[in-house]
mmCIF file of all heavy atoms, coordinates in Angstrom:
data_MODEL
# 
_entry.id   MODEL 
# 
loop_
_atom_site.group_PDB 
_atom_site.id 
_atom_site.type_symbol 
_atom_site.label_atom_id 
_atom_site.label_alt_id 
_atom_site.label_comp_id 
_atom_site.label_asym_id 
_atom_site.label_entity_id 
_atom_site.label_seq_id 
_atom_site.pdbx_PDB_ins_code 
_atom_site.Cartn_x 
_atom_site.Cartn_y 
_atom_site.Cartn_z 
_atom_site.occupancy 
_atom_site.B_iso_or_equiv 
_atom_site.pdbx_formal_charge 
_atom_site.auth_seq_id 
_atom_site.auth_comp_id 
_atom_site.auth_asym_id 
_atom_site.auth_atom_id 
_atom_site.pdbx_PDB_model_num 
ATOM 1   N N   . ALA A 1 1  ? -137.104 -143.647 27.317 1.00 0.00 ? 1  ALA A N   1 
ATOM 2   C CA  . ALA A 1 1  ? -138.334 -144.398 27.664 1.00 0.00 ? 1  ALA A CA  1 
ATOM 3   C C   . ALA A 1 1  ? -137.994 -145.816 28.080 1.00 0.00 ? 1  ALA A C   1 
ATOM 4   O O   . ALA A 1 1  ? -138.851 -146.510 28.665 1.00 0.00 ? 1  ALA A O   1 
ATOM 5   C CB  . ALA A 1 1  ? -139.273 -144.404 26.517 1.00 0.00 ? 1  ALA A CB  1 
ATOM 6   N N   . CYS A 1 2  ? -136.765 -146.296 27.789 1.00 0.00 ? 2  CYS A N   1 
ATOM 7   C CA  . CYS A 1 2  ? -136.371 -147.675 28.176 1.00 0.00 ? 2  CYS A CA  1 
ATOM 8   C C   . CYS A 1 2  ? -135.874 -147.672 29.627 1.00 0.00 ? 2  CYS A C   1 
ATOM 9   O O   . CYS A 1 2  ? -135.518 -146.608 30.163 1.00 0.00 ? 2  CYS A O   1 
ATOM 10  C CB  . CYS A 1 2  ? -135.279 -148.161 27.239 1.00 0.00 ? 2  CYS A CB  1 
ATOM 11  S SG  . CYS A 1 2  ? -135.807 -148.425 25.535 1.00 0.00 ? 2  CYS A SG  1 
ATOM 12  N N   . ASP A 1 3  ? -135.910 -148.831 30.220 1.00 0.00 ? 3  ASP A N   1 
ATOM 13  C CA  . ASP A 1 3  ? -135.454 -148.945 31.625 1.00 0.00 ? 3  ASP A CA  1 
ATOM 14  C C   . ASP A 1 3  ? -133.932 -148.801 31.731 1.00 0.00 ? 3  ASP A C   1 
ATOM 15  O O   . ASP A 1 3  ? -133.472 -148.228 32.715 1.00 0.00 ? 3  ASP A O   1 
ATOM 16  C CB  . ASP A 1 3  ? -135.870 -150.315 32.167 1.00 0.00 ? 3  ASP A CB  1 
ATOM 17  C CG  . ASP A 1 3  ? -137.389 -150.486 32.234 1.00 0.00 ? 3  ASP A CG  1 
ATOM 18  O OD1 . ASP A 1 3  ? -138.033 -149.591 32.729 1.00 0.00 ? 3  ASP A OD1 1 
ATOM 19  O OD2 . ASP A 1 3  ? -137.886 -151.498 31.697 1.00 0.00 ? 3  ASP A OD2 1 
ATOM 20  N N   . LEU A 1 4  ? -133.206 -149.316 30.753 1.00 0.00 ? 4  LEU A N   1 
ATOM 21  C CA  . LEU A 1 4  ? -131.749 -149.316 30.817 1.00 0.00 ? 4  LEU A CA  1 
ATOM 22  C C   . LEU A 1 4  ? -131.221 -148.850 29.443 1.00 0.00 ? 4  LEU A C   1 
ATOM 23  O O   . LEU A 1 4  ? -131.871 -149.051 28.401 1.00 0.00 ? 4  LEU A O   1 
ATOM 24  C CB  . LEU A 1 4  ? -131.174 -150.691 31.126 1.00 0.00 ? 4  LEU A CB  1 
ATOM 25  C CG  . LEU A 1 4  ? -131.646 -151.324 32.476 1.00 0.00 ? 4  LEU A CG  1 
ATOM 26  C CD1 . LEU A 1 4  ? -131.197 -152.777 32.561 1.00 0.00 ? 4  LEU A CD1 1 
ATOM 27  C CD2 . LEU A 1 4  ? -131.195 -150.508 33.681 1.00 0.00 ? 4  LEU A CD2 1 
ATOM 28  N N   . ARG A 1 5  ? -129.968 -148.307 29.453 1.00 0.00 ? 5  ARG A N   1 
ATOM 29  C CA  . ARG A 1 5  ? -129.322 -147.847 28.230 1.00 0.00 ? 5  ARG A CA  1 
ATOM 30  C C   . ARG A 1 5  ? -127.892 -148.333 28.200 1.00 0.00 ? 5  ARG A C   1 
ATOM 31  O O   . ARG A 1 5  ? -127.125 -148.018 29.083 1.00 0.00 ? 5  ARG A O   1 
ATOM 32  C CB  . ARG A 1 5  ? -129.372 -146.270 28.148 1.00 0.00 ? 5  ARG A CB  1 
ATOM 33  C CG  . ARG A 1 5  ? -130.811 -145.769 27.782 1.00 0.00 ? 5  ARG A CG  1 
ATOM 34  C CD  . ARG A 1 5  ? -130.961 -144.382 28.311 1.00 0.00 ? 5  ARG A CD  1 
ATOM 35  N NE  . ARG A 1 5  ? -131.003 -144.361 29.775 1.00 0.00 ? 5  ARG A NE  1 
ATOM 36  C CZ  . ARG A 1 5  ? -132.067 -144.713 30.521 1.00 0.00 ? 5  ARG A CZ  1 
ATOM 37  N NH1 . ARG A 1 5  ? -133.146 -145.115 29.917 1.00 0.00 ? 5  ARG A NH1 1 
ATOM 38  N NH2 . ARG A 1 5  ? -132.038 -144.692 31.846 1.00 0.00 ? 5  ARG A NH2 1 
ATOM 39  N N   . VAL A 1 6  ? -127.560 -149.092 27.157 1.00 0.00 ? 6  VAL A N   1 
ATOM 40  C CA  . VAL A 1 6  ? -126.182 -149.515 26.890 1.00 0.00 ? 6  VAL A CA  1 
ATOM 41  C C   . VAL A 1 6  ? -125.720 -148.779 25.674 1.00 0.00 ? 6  VAL A C   1 
ATOM 42  O O   . VAL A 1 6  ? -126.366 -148.816 24.597 1.00 0.00 ? 6  VAL A O   1 
ATOM 43  C CB  . VAL A 1 6  ? -126.130 -151.018 26.669 1.00 0.00 ? 6  VAL A CB  1 
ATOM 44  C CG1 . VAL A 1 6  ? -124.710 -151.473 26.343 1.00 0.00 ? 6  VAL A CG1 1 
ATOM 45  C CG2 . VAL A 1 6  ? -126.629 -151.762 27.913 1.00 0.00 ? 6  VAL A CG2 1 
ATOM 46  N N   . LEU A 1 7  ? -124.550 -148.158 25.746 1.00 0.00 ? 7  LEU A N   1 
ATOM 47  C CA  . LEU A 1 7  ? -124.033 -147.350 24.622 1.00 0.00 ? 7  LEU A CA  1 
ATOM 48  C C   . LEU A 1 7  ? -122.785 -147.922 23.994 1.00 0.00 ? 7  LEU A C   1 
ATOM 49  O O   . LEU A 1 7  ? -121.902 -148.399 24.715 1.00 0.00 ? 7  LEU A O   1 
ATOM 50  C CB  . LEU A 1 7  ? -123.677 -145.889 25.090 1.00 0.00 ? 7  LEU A CB  1 
ATOM 51  C CG  . LEU A 1 7  ? -124.819 -144.872 25.060 1.00 0.00 ? 7  LEU A CG  1 
ATOM 52  C CD1 . LEU A 1 7  ? -126.007 -145.294 25.907 1.00 0.00 ? 7  LEU A CD1 1 
ATOM 53  C CD2 . LEU A 1 7  ? -124.267 -143.523 25.471 1.00 0.00 ? 7  LEU A CD2 1 
ATOM 54  N N   . ALA A 1 8  ? -122.736 -147.938 22.660 1.00 0.00 ? 8  ALA A N   1 
ATOM 55  C CA  . ALA A 1 8  ? -121.488 -148.222 22.023 1.00 0.00 ? 8  ALA A CA  1 
ATOM 56  C C   . ALA A 1 8  ? -120.497 -147.107 22.285 1.00 0.00 ? 8  ALA A C   1 
ATOM 57  O O   . ALA A 1 8  ? -120.904 -145.958 22.606 1.00 0.00 ? 8  ALA A O   1 
ATOM 58  C CB  . ALA A 1 8  ? -121.692 -148.302 20.473 1.00 0.00 ? 8  ALA A CB  1 
ATOM 59  N N   . SER A 1 9  ? -119.232 -147.386 22.238 1.00 0.00 ? 9  SER A N   1 
ATOM 60  C CA  . SER A 1 9  ? -118.192 -146.452 22.641 1.00 0.00 ? 9  SER A CA  1 
ATOM 61  C C   . SER A 1 9  ? -118.254 -145.174 21.761 1.00 0.00 ? 9  SER A C   1 
ATOM 62  O O   . SER A 1 9  ? -117.814 -144.116 22.232 1.00 0.00 ? 9  SER A O   1 
ATOM 63  C CB  . SER A 1 9  ? -116.835 -147.054 22.599 1.00 0.00 ? 9  SER A CB  1 
ATOM 64  O OG  . SER A 1 9  ? -116.536 -147.626 21.347 1.00 0.00 ? 9  SER A OG  1 
ATOM 65  N N   . HIS A 1 10 ? -118.704 -145.283 20.537 1.00 0.00 ? 10 HIS A N   1 
ATOM 66  C CA  . HIS A 1 10 ? -118.781 -144.092 19.662 1.00 0.00 ? 10 HIS A CA  1 
ATOM 67  C C   . HIS A 1 10 ? -120.161 -143.432 19.661 1.00 0.00 ? 10 HIS A C   1 
ATOM 68  O O   . HIS A 1 10 ? -120.378 -142.486 18.900 1.00 0.00 ? 10 HIS A O   1 
ATOM 69  C CB  . HIS A 1 10 ? -118.437 -144.532 18.210 1.00 0.00 ? 10 HIS A CB  1 
ATOM 70  C CG  . HIS A 1 10 ? -119.471 -145.426 17.598 1.00 0.00 ? 10 HIS A CG  1 
ATOM 71  N ND1 . HIS A 1 10 ? -119.644 -146.741 17.948 1.00 0.00 ? 10 HIS A ND1 1 
ATOM 72  C CD2 . HIS A 1 10 ? -120.392 -145.211 16.653 1.00 0.00 ? 10 HIS A CD2 1 
ATOM 73  C CE1 . HIS A 1 10 ? -120.598 -147.307 17.212 1.00 0.00 ? 10 HIS A CE1 1 
ATOM 74  N NE2 . HIS A 1 10 ? -121.091 -146.381 16.427 1.00 0.00 ? 10 HIS A NE2 1 
ATOM 75  N N   . ALA A 1 11 ? -121.051 -143.879 20.522 1.00 0.00 ? 11 ALA A N   1 
ATOM 76  C CA  . ALA A 1 11 ? -122.398 -143.320 20.542 1.00 0.00 ? 11 ALA A CA  1 
ATOM 77  C C   . ALA A 1 11 ? -122.397 -141.862 21.043 1.00 0.00 ? 11 ALA A C   1 
ATOM 78  O O   . ALA A 1 11 ? -121.554 -141.473 21.825 1.00 0.00 ? 11 ALA A O   1 
ATOM 79  C CB  . ALA A 1 11 ? -123.320 -144.133 21.463 1.00 0.00 ? 11 ALA A CB  1 
ATOM 80  N N   . VAL A 1 12 ? -123.296 -141.078 20.513 1.00 0.00 ? 12 VAL A N   1 
ATOM 81  C CA  . VAL A 1 12 ? -123.484 -139.695 20.915 1.00 0.00 ? 12 VAL A CA  1 
ATOM 82  C C   . VAL A 1 12 ? -124.979 -139.461 21.078 1.00 0.00 ? 12 VAL A C   1 
ATOM 83  O O   . VAL A 1 12 ? -125.767 -139.871 20.233 1.00 0.00 ? 12 VAL A O   1 
ATOM 84  C CB  . VAL A 1 12 ? -122.912 -138.705 19.865 1.00 0.00 ? 12 VAL A CB  1 
ATOM 85  C CG1 . VAL A 1 12 ? -123.092 -137.260 20.302 1.00 0.00 ? 12 VAL A CG1 1 
ATOM 86  C CG2 . VAL A 1 12 ? -121.416 -138.973 19.612 1.00 0.00 ? 12 VAL A CG2 1 
ATOM 87  N N   . MET A 1 13 ? -125.373 -138.859 22.209 1.00 0.00 ? 13 MET A N   1 
ATOM 88  C CA  . MET A 1 13 ? -126.741 -138.611 22.498 1.00 0.00 ? 13 MET A CA  1 
ATOM 89  C C   . MET A 1 13 ? -127.023 -137.153 22.689 1.00 0.00 ? 13 MET A C   1 
ATOM 90  O O   . MET A 1 13 ? -126.126 -136.383 23.062 1.00 0.00 ? 13 MET A O   1 
ATOM 91  C CB  . MET A 1 13 ? -127.182 -139.374 23.755 1.00 0.00 ? 13 MET A CB  1 
ATOM 92  C CG  . MET A 1 13 ? -126.988 -140.887 23.642 1.00 0.00 ? 13 MET A CG  1 
ATOM 93  S SD  . MET A 1 13 ? -127.593 -141.749 25.121 1.00 0.00 ? 13 MET A SD  1 
ATOM 94  C CE  . MET A 1 13 ? -129.354 -141.601 24.905 1.00 0.00 ? 13 MET A CE  1 
ATOM 95  N N   . GLY A 1 14 ? -128.272 -136.711 22.462 1.00 0.00 ? 14 GLY A N   1 
ATOM 96  C CA  . GLY A 1 14 ? -128.582 -135.326 22.743 1.00 0.00 ? 14 GLY A CA  1 
ATOM 97  C C   . GLY A 1 14 ? -130.014 -135.001 22.374 1.00 0.00 ? 14 GLY A C   1 
ATOM 98  O O   . GLY A 1 14 ? -130.617 -135.539 21.392 1.00 0.00 ? 14 GLY A O   1 
ATOM 99  N N   . LEU A 1 15 ? -130.612 -134.175 23.194 1.00 0.00 ? 15 LEU A N   1 
ATOM 100 C CA  . LEU A 1 15 ? -131.956 -133.631 22.878 1.00 0.00 ? 15 LEU A CA  1 
ATOM 101 C C   . LEU A 1 15 ? -131.678 -132.279 22.182 1.00 0.00 ? 15 LEU A C   1 
ATOM 102 O O   . LEU A 1 15 ? -131.529 -131.251 22.829 1.00 0.00 ? 15 LEU A O   1 
ATOM 103 C CB  . LEU A 1 15 ? -132.792 -133.438 24.179 1.00 0.00 ? 15 LEU A CB  1 
ATOM 104 C CG  . LEU A 1 15 ? -133.210 -134.730 24.810 1.00 0.00 ? 15 LEU A CG  1 
ATOM 105 C CD1 . LEU A 1 15 ? -133.945 -134.499 26.148 1.00 0.00 ? 15 LEU A CD1 1 
ATOM 106 C CD2 . LEU A 1 15 ? -134.057 -135.593 23.888 1.00 0.00 ? 15 LEU A CD2 1 
ATOM 107 N N   . THR A 1 16 ? -131.607 -132.319 20.881 1.00 0.00 ? 16 THR A N   1 
ATOM 108 C CA  . THR A 1 16 ? -131.112 -131.192 20.081 1.00 0.00 ? 16 THR A CA  1 
ATOM 109 C C   . THR A 1 16 ? -132.229 -130.361 19.467 1.00 0.00 ? 16 THR A C   1 
ATOM 110 O O   . THR A 1 16 ? -131.925 -129.532 18.585 1.00 0.00 ? 16 THR A O   1 
ATOM 111 C CB  . THR A 1 16 ? -130.233 -131.775 18.920 1.00 0.00 ? 16 THR A CB  1 
ATOM 112 O OG1 . THR A 1 16 ? -131.001 -132.757 18.182 1.00 0.00 ? 16 THR A OG1 1 
ATOM 113 C CG2 . THR A 1 16 ? -129.017 -132.472 19.496 1.00 0.00 ? 16 THR A CG2 1 
ATOM 114 N N   . GLU A 1 17 ? -133.435 -130.563 19.936 1.00 0.00 ? 17 GLU A N   1 
ATOM 115 C CA  . GLU A 1 17 ? -134.578 -129.879 19.330 1.00 0.00 ? 17 GLU A CA  1 
ATOM 116 C C   . GLU A 1 17 ? -134.513 -128.369 19.230 1.00 0.00 ? 17 GLU A C   1 
ATOM 117 O O   . GLU A 1 17 ? -134.909 -127.750 18.277 1.00 0.00 ? 17 GLU A O   1 
ATOM 118 C CB  . GLU A 1 17 ? -135.892 -130.346 19.966 1.00 0.00 ? 17 GLU A CB  1 
ATOM 119 C CG  . GLU A 1 17 ? -136.327 -131.770 19.627 1.00 0.00 ? 17 GLU A CG  1 
ATOM 120 C CD  . GLU A 1 17 ? -135.695 -132.804 20.551 1.00 0.00 ? 17 GLU A CD  1 
ATOM 121 O OE1 . GLU A 1 17 ? -134.774 -132.447 21.312 1.00 0.00 ? 17 GLU A OE1 1 
ATOM 122 O OE2 . GLU A 1 17 ? -136.161 -133.922 20.499 1.00 0.00 ? 17 GLU A OE2 1 
ATOM 123 N N   . VAL A 1 18 ? -133.960 -127.765 20.309 1.00 0.00 ? 18 VAL A N   1 
ATOM 124 C CA  . VAL A 1 18 ? -133.978 -126.269 20.307 1.00 0.00 ? 18 VAL A CA  1 
ATOM 125 C C   . VAL A 1 18 ? -133.135 -125.706 19.186 1.00 0.00 ? 18 VAL A C   1 
ATOM 126 O O   . VAL A 1 18 ? -133.340 -124.546 18.769 1.00 0.00 ? 18 VAL A O   1 
ATOM 127 C CB  . VAL A 1 18 ? -133.563 -125.685 21.670 1.00 0.00 ? 18 VAL A CB  1 
ATOM 128 C CG1 . VAL A 1 18 ? -134.557 -126.022 22.762 1.00 0.00 ? 18 VAL A CG1 1 
ATOM 129 C CG2 . VAL A 1 18 ? -132.179 -126.113 22.057 1.00 0.00 ? 18 VAL A CG2 1 
ATOM 130 N N   . THR A 1 19 ? -132.167 -126.469 18.694 1.00 0.00 ? 19 THR A N   1 
ATOM 131 C CA  . THR A 1 19 ? -131.344 -125.991 17.598 1.00 0.00 ? 19 THR A CA  1 
ATOM 132 C C   . THR A 1 19 ? -132.186 -125.938 16.282 1.00 0.00 ? 19 THR A C   1 
ATOM 133 O O   . THR A 1 19 ? -131.734 -125.296 15.312 1.00 0.00 ? 19 THR A O   1 
ATOM 134 C CB  . THR A 1 19 ? -130.124 -126.889 17.354 1.00 0.00 ? 19 THR A CB  1 
ATOM 135 O OG1 . THR A 1 19 ? -130.510 -128.142 16.905 1.00 0.00 ? 19 THR A OG1 1 
ATOM 136 C CG2 . THR A 1 19 ? -129.316 -127.017 18.650 1.00 0.00 ? 19 THR A CG2 1 
ATOM 137 N N   . LEU A 1 20 ? -133.337 -126.601 16.323 1.00 0.00 ? 20 LEU A N   1 
ATOM 138 C CA  . LEU A 1 20 ? -134.267 -126.554 15.152 1.00 0.00 ? 20 LEU A CA  1 
ATOM 139 C C   . LEU A 1 20 ? -135.482 -125.731 15.505 1.00 0.00 ? 20 LEU A C   1 
ATOM 140 O O   . LEU A 1 20 ? -136.510 -125.852 14.811 1.00 0.00 ? 20 LEU A O   1 
ATOM 141 C CB  . LEU A 1 20 ? -134.677 -127.997 14.787 1.00 0.00 ? 20 LEU A CB  1 
ATOM 142 C CG  . LEU A 1 20 ? -133.511 -128.922 14.351 1.00 0.00 ? 20 LEU A CG  1 
ATOM 143 C CD1 . LEU A 1 20 ? -134.010 -130.353 14.267 1.00 0.00 ? 20 LEU A CD1 1 
ATOM 144 C CD2 . LEU A 1 20 ? -132.944 -128.431 13.028 1.00 0.00 ? 20 LEU A CD2 1 
ATOM 145 N N   . ALA A 1 21 ? -135.394 -124.951 16.564 1.00 0.00 ? 21 ALA A N   1 
ATOM 146 C CA  . ALA A 1 21 ? -136.506 -124.044 16.943 1.00 0.00 ? 21 ALA A CA  1 
ATOM 147 C C   . ALA A 1 21 ? -137.754 -124.735 17.408 1.00 0.00 ? 21 ALA A C   1 
ATOM 148 O O   . ALA A 1 21 ? -138.838 -124.225 17.290 1.00 0.00 ? 21 ALA A O   1 
ATOM 149 C CB  . ALA A 1 21 ? -136.794 -123.023 15.839 1.00 0.00 ? 21 ALA A CB  1 
ATOM 150 N N   . ILE A 1 22 ? -137.592 -125.965 17.963 1.00 0.00 ? 22 ILE A N   1 
ATOM 151 C CA  . ILE A 1 22 ? -138.705 -126.713 18.564 1.00 0.00 ? 22 ILE A CA  1 
ATOM 152 C C   . ILE A 1 22 ? -138.202 -127.193 19.903 1.00 0.00 ? 22 ILE A C   1 
ATOM 153 O O   . ILE A 1 22 ? -137.069 -126.860 20.336 1.00 0.00 ? 22 ILE A O   1 
ATOM 154 C CB  . ILE A 1 22 ? -139.183 -127.869 17.666 1.00 0.00 ? 22 ILE A CB  1 
ATOM 155 C CG1 . ILE A 1 22 ? -137.973 -128.819 17.362 1.00 0.00 ? 22 ILE A CG1 1 
ATOM 156 C CG2 . ILE A 1 22 ? -139.814 -127.353 16.428 1.00 0.00 ? 22 ILE A CG2 1 
ATOM 157 C CD1 . ILE A 1 22 ? -138.411 -130.069 16.598 1.00 0.00 ? 22 ILE A CD1 1 
ATOM 158 N N   . ILE A 1 23 ? -139.030 -127.977 20.612 1.00 0.00 ? 23 ILE A N   1 
ATOM 159 C CA  . ILE A 1 23 ? -138.607 -128.541 21.925 1.00 0.00 ? 23 ILE A CA  1 
ATOM 160 C C   . ILE A 1 23 ? -138.806 -130.036 21.867 1.00 0.00 ? 23 ILE A C   1 
ATOM 161 O O   . ILE A 1 23 ? -139.557 -130.558 21.039 1.00 0.00 ? 23 ILE A O   1 
ATOM 162 C CB  . ILE A 1 23 ? -139.356 -127.912 23.093 1.00 0.00 ? 23 ILE A CB  1 
ATOM 163 C CG1 . ILE A 1 23 ? -140.844 -128.418 23.132 1.00 0.00 ? 23 ILE A CG1 1 
ATOM 164 C CG2 . ILE A 1 23 ? -139.296 -126.398 23.076 1.00 0.00 ? 23 ILE A CG2 1 
ATOM 165 C CD1 . ILE A 1 23 ? -141.538 -128.119 24.422 1.00 0.00 ? 23 ILE A CD1 1 
ATOM 166 N N   . PRO A 1 24 ? -138.180 -130.808 22.753 1.00 0.00 ? 24 PRO A N   1 
ATOM 167 C CA  . PRO A 1 24 ? -138.451 -132.185 22.842 1.00 0.00 ? 24 PRO A CA  1 
ATOM 168 C C   . PRO A 1 24 ? -139.982 -132.410 23.128 1.00 0.00 ? 24 PRO A C   1 
ATOM 169 O O   . PRO A 1 24 ? -140.489 -131.814 24.067 1.00 0.00 ? 24 PRO A O   1 
ATOM 170 C CB  . PRO A 1 24 ? -137.634 -132.700 24.028 1.00 0.00 ? 24 PRO A CB  1 
ATOM 171 C CG  . PRO A 1 24 ? -136.499 -131.713 24.097 1.00 0.00 ? 24 PRO A CG  1 
ATOM 172 C CD  . PRO A 1 24 ? -137.114 -130.393 23.705 1.00 0.00 ? 24 PRO A CD  1 
ATOM 173 N N   . GLY A 1 25 ? -140.621 -133.217 22.311 1.00 0.00 ? 25 GLY A N   1 
ATOM 174 C CA  . GLY A 1 25 ? -142.044 -133.381 22.456 1.00 0.00 ? 25 GLY A CA  1 
ATOM 175 C C   . GLY A 1 25 ? -142.513 -134.837 22.664 1.00 0.00 ? 25 GLY A C   1 
ATOM 176 O O   . GLY A 1 25 ? -143.692 -135.077 22.678 1.00 0.00 ? 25 GLY A O   1 
ATOM 177 N N   . ALA A 1 26 ? -141.567 -135.747 22.861 1.00 0.00 ? 26 ALA A N   1 
ATOM 178 C CA  . ALA A 1 26 ? -141.905 -137.157 23.046 1.00 0.00 ? 26 ALA A CA  1 
ATOM 179 C C   . ALA A 1 26 ? -141.424 -137.602 24.417 1.00 0.00 ? 26 ALA A C   1 
ATOM 180 O O   . ALA A 1 26 ? -141.027 -138.792 24.591 1.00 0.00 ? 26 ALA A O   1 
ATOM 181 C CB  . ALA A 1 26 ? -141.333 -137.977 21.930 1.00 0.00 ? 26 ALA A CB  1 
ATOM 182 N N   . GLY A 1 27 ? -141.491 -136.728 25.391 1.00 0.00 ? 27 GLY A N   1 
ATOM 183 C CA  . GLY A 1 27 ? -141.160 -137.129 26.786 1.00 0.00 ? 27 GLY A CA  1 
ATOM 184 C C   . GLY A 1 27 ? -139.827 -136.651 27.251 1.00 0.00 ? 27 GLY A C   1 
ATOM 185 O O   . GLY A 1 27 ? -139.476 -136.770 28.442 1.00 0.00 ? 27 GLY A O   1 
# 
């Protein structure tokens, strides 16, 4: 939702909802 994204070198991202039997619901 932000305009820009800066990541720390150890950062990990993911839309992992389907692994919990749901879907991303906040955009």
